[in-house]
C-alpha atoms as a PDB file:
ATOM      1  CA  MET A   1      31.946-104.188 -55.773  1.00  0.00           C
ATOM      2  CA  ASN A   2      32.177-100.457 -56.971  1.00  0.00           C
ATOM      3  CA  THR A   3      34.097 -98.592 -54.757  1.00  0.00           C
ATOM      4  CA  ARG A   4      33.547 -95.205 -56.810  1.00  0.00           C
ATOM      5  CA  ALA A   5      31.947 -93.096 -54.397  1.00  0.00           C
ATOM      6  CA  TRP A   6      31.409 -89.520 -52.586  1.00  0.00           C
ATOM      7  CA  ILE A   7      32.904 -89.505 -48.951  1.00  0.00           C
ATOM      8  CA  VAL A   8      30.807 -87.091 -47.065  1.00  0.00           C
ATOM      9  CA  PHE A   9      31.111 -85.943 -43.565  1.00  0.00           C
ATOM     10  CA  LEU A  10      27.986 -84.239 -42.113  1.00  0.00           C
ATOM     11  CA  ASP A  11      27.295 -82.630 -39.048  1.00  0.00           C
ATOM     12  CA  GLU A  12      24.392 -80.142 -37.593  1.00  0.00           C
ATOM     13  CA  SER A  13      24.788 -77.367 -34.987  1.00  0.00           C
ATOM     14  CA  GLY A  14      22.035 -74.826 -33.041  1.00  0.00           C
ATOM     15  CA  VAL A  15      22.451 -71.433 -33.259  1.00  0.00           C
ATOM     16  CA  SER A  16      20.437 -68.565 -30.797  1.00  0.00           C
ATOM     17  CA  LEU A  17      19.076 -65.745 -32.790  1.00  0.00           C
ATOM     18  CA  LEU A  18      19.904 -63.937 -29.496  1.00  0.00           C
ATOM     19  CA  PRO A  19      22.444 -60.866 -30.104  1.00  0.00           C
ATOM     20  CA  GLN A  20      25.651 -62.029 -28.390  1.00  0.00           C
ATOM     21  CA  VAL A  21      26.737 -58.961 -26.170  1.00  0.00           C
ATOM     22  CA  ARG A  22      30.350 -58.792 -24.648  1.00  0.00           C
ATOM     23  CA  ARG A  23      31.105 -54.878 -24.740  1.00  0.00           C
ATOM     24  CA  THR A  24      29.718 -51.971 -25.546  1.00  0.00           C
ATOM     25  CA  TYR A  25      30.027 -47.934 -25.249  1.00  0.00           C
ATOM     26  CA  ALA A  26      28.717 -46.109 -22.460  1.00  0.00           C
ATOM     27  CA  PRO A  27      29.868 -43.219 -19.895  1.00  0.00           C
ATOM     28  CA  ARG A  28      32.299 -44.253 -17.469  1.00  0.00           C
ATOM     29  CA  GLY A  29      30.464 -45.839 -14.222  1.00  0.00           C
ATOM     30  CA  ARG A  30      27.382 -45.745 -15.874  1.00  0.00           C
ATOM     31  CA  THR A  31      25.848 -49.301 -16.701  1.00  0.00           C
ATOM     32  CA  PRO A  32      24.673 -49.682 -20.227  1.00  0.00           C
ATOM     33  CA  LEU A  33      21.120 -50.599 -20.903  1.00  0.00           C
ATOM     34  CA  LEU A  34      20.548 -53.118 -23.879  1.00  0.00           C
ATOM     35  CA  ARG A  35      17.361 -53.608 -25.100  1.00  0.00           C
ATOM     36  CA  HIS A  36      16.108 -56.436 -27.114  1.00  0.00           C
ATOM     37  CA  ARG A  37      13.151 -59.249 -27.656  1.00  0.00           C
ATOM     38  CA  LEU A  38      14.054 -62.131 -25.590  1.00  0.00           C
ATOM     39  CA  ASN A  39      12.006 -64.555 -28.005  1.00  0.00           C
ATOM     40  CA  TRP A  40      14.692 -67.043 -27.670  1.00  0.00           C
ATOM     41  CA  LYS A  41      14.431 -68.100 -31.102  1.00  0.00           C
ATOM     42  CA  ARG A  42      16.526 -71.191 -32.293  1.00  0.00           C
ATOM     43  CA  ALA A  43      17.797 -72.471 -35.675  1.00  0.00           C
ATOM     44  CA  SER A  44      19.730 -75.287 -36.947  1.00  0.00           C
ATOM     45  CA  THR A  45      22.029 -75.939 -39.532  1.00  0.00           C
ATOM     46  CA  ALA A  46      23.317 -79.191 -41.006  1.00  0.00           C
ATOM     47  CA  GLY A  47      26.552 -79.089 -43.183  1.00  0.00           C
ATOM     48  CA  ALA A  48      27.876 -81.744 -45.798  1.00  0.00           C
ATOM     49  CA  LEU A  49      31.298 -81.668 -46.987  1.00  0.00           C
ATOM     50  CA  GLY A  50      31.750 -84.156 -49.469  1.00  0.00           C
ATOM     51  CA  TYR A  51      34.869 -85.761 -51.290  1.00  0.00           C
ATOM     52  CA  HIS A  52      34.798 -88.157 -54.311  1.00  0.00           C
ATOM     53  CA  SER A  53      37.293 -91.179 -53.500  1.00  0.00           C
ATOM     54  CA  THR A  54      38.771 -92.043 -56.947  1.00  0.00           C
ATOM     55  CA  ASP A  55      37.896 -88.504 -59.123  1.00  0.00           C
ATOM     56  CA  PRO A  56      39.979 -85.554 -57.750  1.00  0.00           C
ATOM     57  CA  ASP A  57      39.216 -83.430 -60.537  1.00  0.00           C
ATOM     58  CA  ARG A  58      35.459 -83.549 -59.444  1.00  0.00           C
ATOM     59  CA  GLY A  59      36.472 -80.913 -56.453  1.00  0.00           C
ATOM     60  CA  PRO A  60      34.027 -80.845 -53.374  1.00  0.00           C
ATOM     61  CA  ARG A  61      30.918 -80.479 -52.630  1.00  0.00           C
ATOM     62  CA  LEU A  62      29.555 -78.613 -49.960  1.00  0.00           C
ATOM     63  CA  CYS A  63      25.818 -78.430 -49.395  1.00  0.00           C
ATOM     64  CA  PHE A  64      23.610 -77.282 -46.293  1.00  0.00           C
ATOM     65  CA  HIS A  65      20.259 -77.283 -44.685  1.00  0.00           C
ATOM     66  CA  LEU A  66      18.721 -74.452 -42.401  1.00  0.00           C
ATOM     67  CA  LYS A  67      15.185 -74.903 -40.550  1.00  0.00           C
ATOM     68  CA  PRO A  68      14.281 -73.561 -37.168  1.00  0.00           C
ATOM     69  CA  GLY A  69      13.983 -75.697 -34.420  1.00  0.00           C
ATOM     70  CA  SER A  70      16.344 -78.198 -34.032  1.00  0.00           C
ATOM     71  CA  TYR A  71      17.060 -81.457 -35.502  1.00  0.00           C
ATOM     72  CA  ASP A  72      15.192 -84.815 -35.358  1.00  0.00           C
ATOM     73  CA  THR A  73      15.051 -88.213 -37.029  1.00  0.00           C
ATOM     74  CA  VAL A  74      12.447 -86.954 -39.672  1.00  0.00           C
ATOM     75  CA  GLY A  75      14.273 -83.798 -40.151  1.00  0.00           C
ATOM     76  CA  LEU A  76      17.498 -85.436 -40.714  1.00  0.00           C
ATOM     77  CA  ILE A  77      15.940 -88.017 -43.442  1.00  0.00           C
ATOM     78  CA  GLU A  78      14.722 -85.046 -45.214  1.00  0.00           C
ATOM     79  CA  VAL A  79      18.430 -83.616 -45.457  1.00  0.00           C
ATOM     80  CA  LEU A  80      19.159 -87.015 -46.568  1.00  0.00           C
ATOM     81  CA  GLU A  81      16.578 -86.960 -49.070  1.00  0.00           C
ATOM     82  CA  GLN A  82      18.000 -83.561 -50.461  1.00  0.00           C
ATOM     83  CA  MET A  83      21.513 -85.138 -50.544  1.00  0.00           C
ATOM     84  CA  LYS A  84      20.413 -87.885 -52.627  1.00  0.00           C
ATOM     85  CA  VAL A  85      19.263 -84.999 -55.233  1.00  0.00           C
ATOM     86  CA  PHE A  86      22.098 -83.159 -55.236  1.00  0.00           C
ATOM     87  CA  HIS A  87      24.485 -86.155 -55.815  1.00  0.00           C
ATOM     88  CA  ARG A  88      22.449 -87.504 -58.732  1.00  0.00           C
ATOM     89  CA  GLY A  89      22.086 -90.817 -57.531  1.00  0.00           C
ATOM     90  CA  GLU A  90      25.823 -91.616 -57.238  1.00  0.00           C
ATOM     91  CA  ARG A  91      27.214 -93.959 -54.357  1.00  0.00           C
ATOM     92  CA  VAL A  92      27.268 -91.650 -51.000  1.00  0.00           C
ATOM     93  CA  VAL A  93      29.472 -93.267 -47.821  1.00  0.00           C
ATOM     94  CA  LEU A  94      28.140 -90.674 -45.318  1.00  0.00           C
ATOM     95  CA  VAL A  95      30.305 -90.231 -42.100  1.00  0.00           C
ATOM     96  CA  TRP A  96      28.652 -88.780 -39.015  1.00  0.00           C
ATOM     97  CA  ASP A  97      29.032 -88.614 -35.192  1.00  0.00           C
ATOM     98  CA  GLY A  98      26.429 -90.577 -32.455  1.00  0.00           C
ATOM     99  CA  LEU A  99      23.660 -88.181 -32.452  1.00  0.00           C
ATOM    100  CA  SER A 100      20.953 -90.569 -31.255  1.00  0.00           C
ATOM    101  CA  ALA A 101      18.676 -89.346 -33.817  1.00  0.00           C
ATOM    102  CA  HIS A 102      21.288 -90.627 -36.325  1.00  0.00           C
ATOM    103  CA  TRP A 103      21.102 -94.304 -35.167  1.00  0.00           C
ATOM    104  CA  SER A 104      17.377 -94.299 -33.987  1.00  0.00           C
ATOM    105  CA  ARG A 105      15.114 -97.409 -35.308  1.00  0.00           C
ATOM    106  CA  ALA A 106      13.586 -95.062 -38.296  1.00  0.00           C
ATOM    107  CA  MET A 107      16.752 -94.028 -39.198  1.00  0.00           C
ATOM    108  CA  ARG A 108      18.488 -97.520 -39.797  1.00  0.00           C
ATOM    109  CA  ALA A 109      14.860 -98.381 -41.089  1.00  0.00           C
ATOM    110  CA  TRP A 110      15.279 -95.941 -43.765  1.00  0.00           C
ATOM    111  CA  VAL A 111      18.834 -96.538 -44.618  1.00  0.00           C
ATOM    112  CA  THR A 112      18.034 -99.802 -45.419  1.00  0.00           C
ATOM    113  CA  GLU A 113      15.577 -99.091 -48.029  1.00  0.00           C
ATOM    114  CA  GLN A 114      18.385 -96.970 -49.552  1.00  0.00           C
ATOM    115  CA  ASP A 115      20.757 -98.510 -52.401  1.00  0.00           C
ATOM    116  CA  TRP A 116      22.594 -95.442 -52.744  1.00  0.00           C
ATOM    117  CA  LEU A 117      23.900 -94.663 -49.086  1.00  0.00           C
ATOM    118  CA  THR A 118      26.126 -96.238 -47.285  1.00  0.00           C
ATOM    119  CA  LEU A 119      26.687 -94.954 -43.506  1.00  0.00           C
ATOM    120  CA  GLU A 120      29.683 -94.997 -41.418  1.00  0.00           C
ATOM    121  CA  ARG A 121      30.198 -93.685 -37.541  1.00  0.00           C
ATOM    122  CA  LEU A 122      32.633 -91.647 -36.513  1.00  0.00           C
ATOM    123  CA  PRO A 123      34.589 -93.097 -33.190  1.00  0.00           C
ATOM    124  CA  ALA A 124      34.135 -91.791 -30.091  1.00  0.00           C
END
């Protein structure tokens, strides 16, 4: 068995595009008026940090993916397809959490077709 592989930690996060308002300046005793469009747009980002298991001289690799809305199984498969290109066909051991999209039937079916990818789940 060839044990030369990239160990990649991948996680997703959602961000709101609304401004964060904590404190502002206004004359004493007058409530400030803050105006912004309440579109409630959201974006999501997935970041993958990889280390090579046997060759530390290669250095770490960071890649990320941005998309409007939130990630689902189809969106995560797109991220993994881009990761495959990023790692140029090298073996990857992917470590991620227990998000339902990570372990869905569609994801498991897609992963079984990939010879370059091995999935590992973070403990609870």
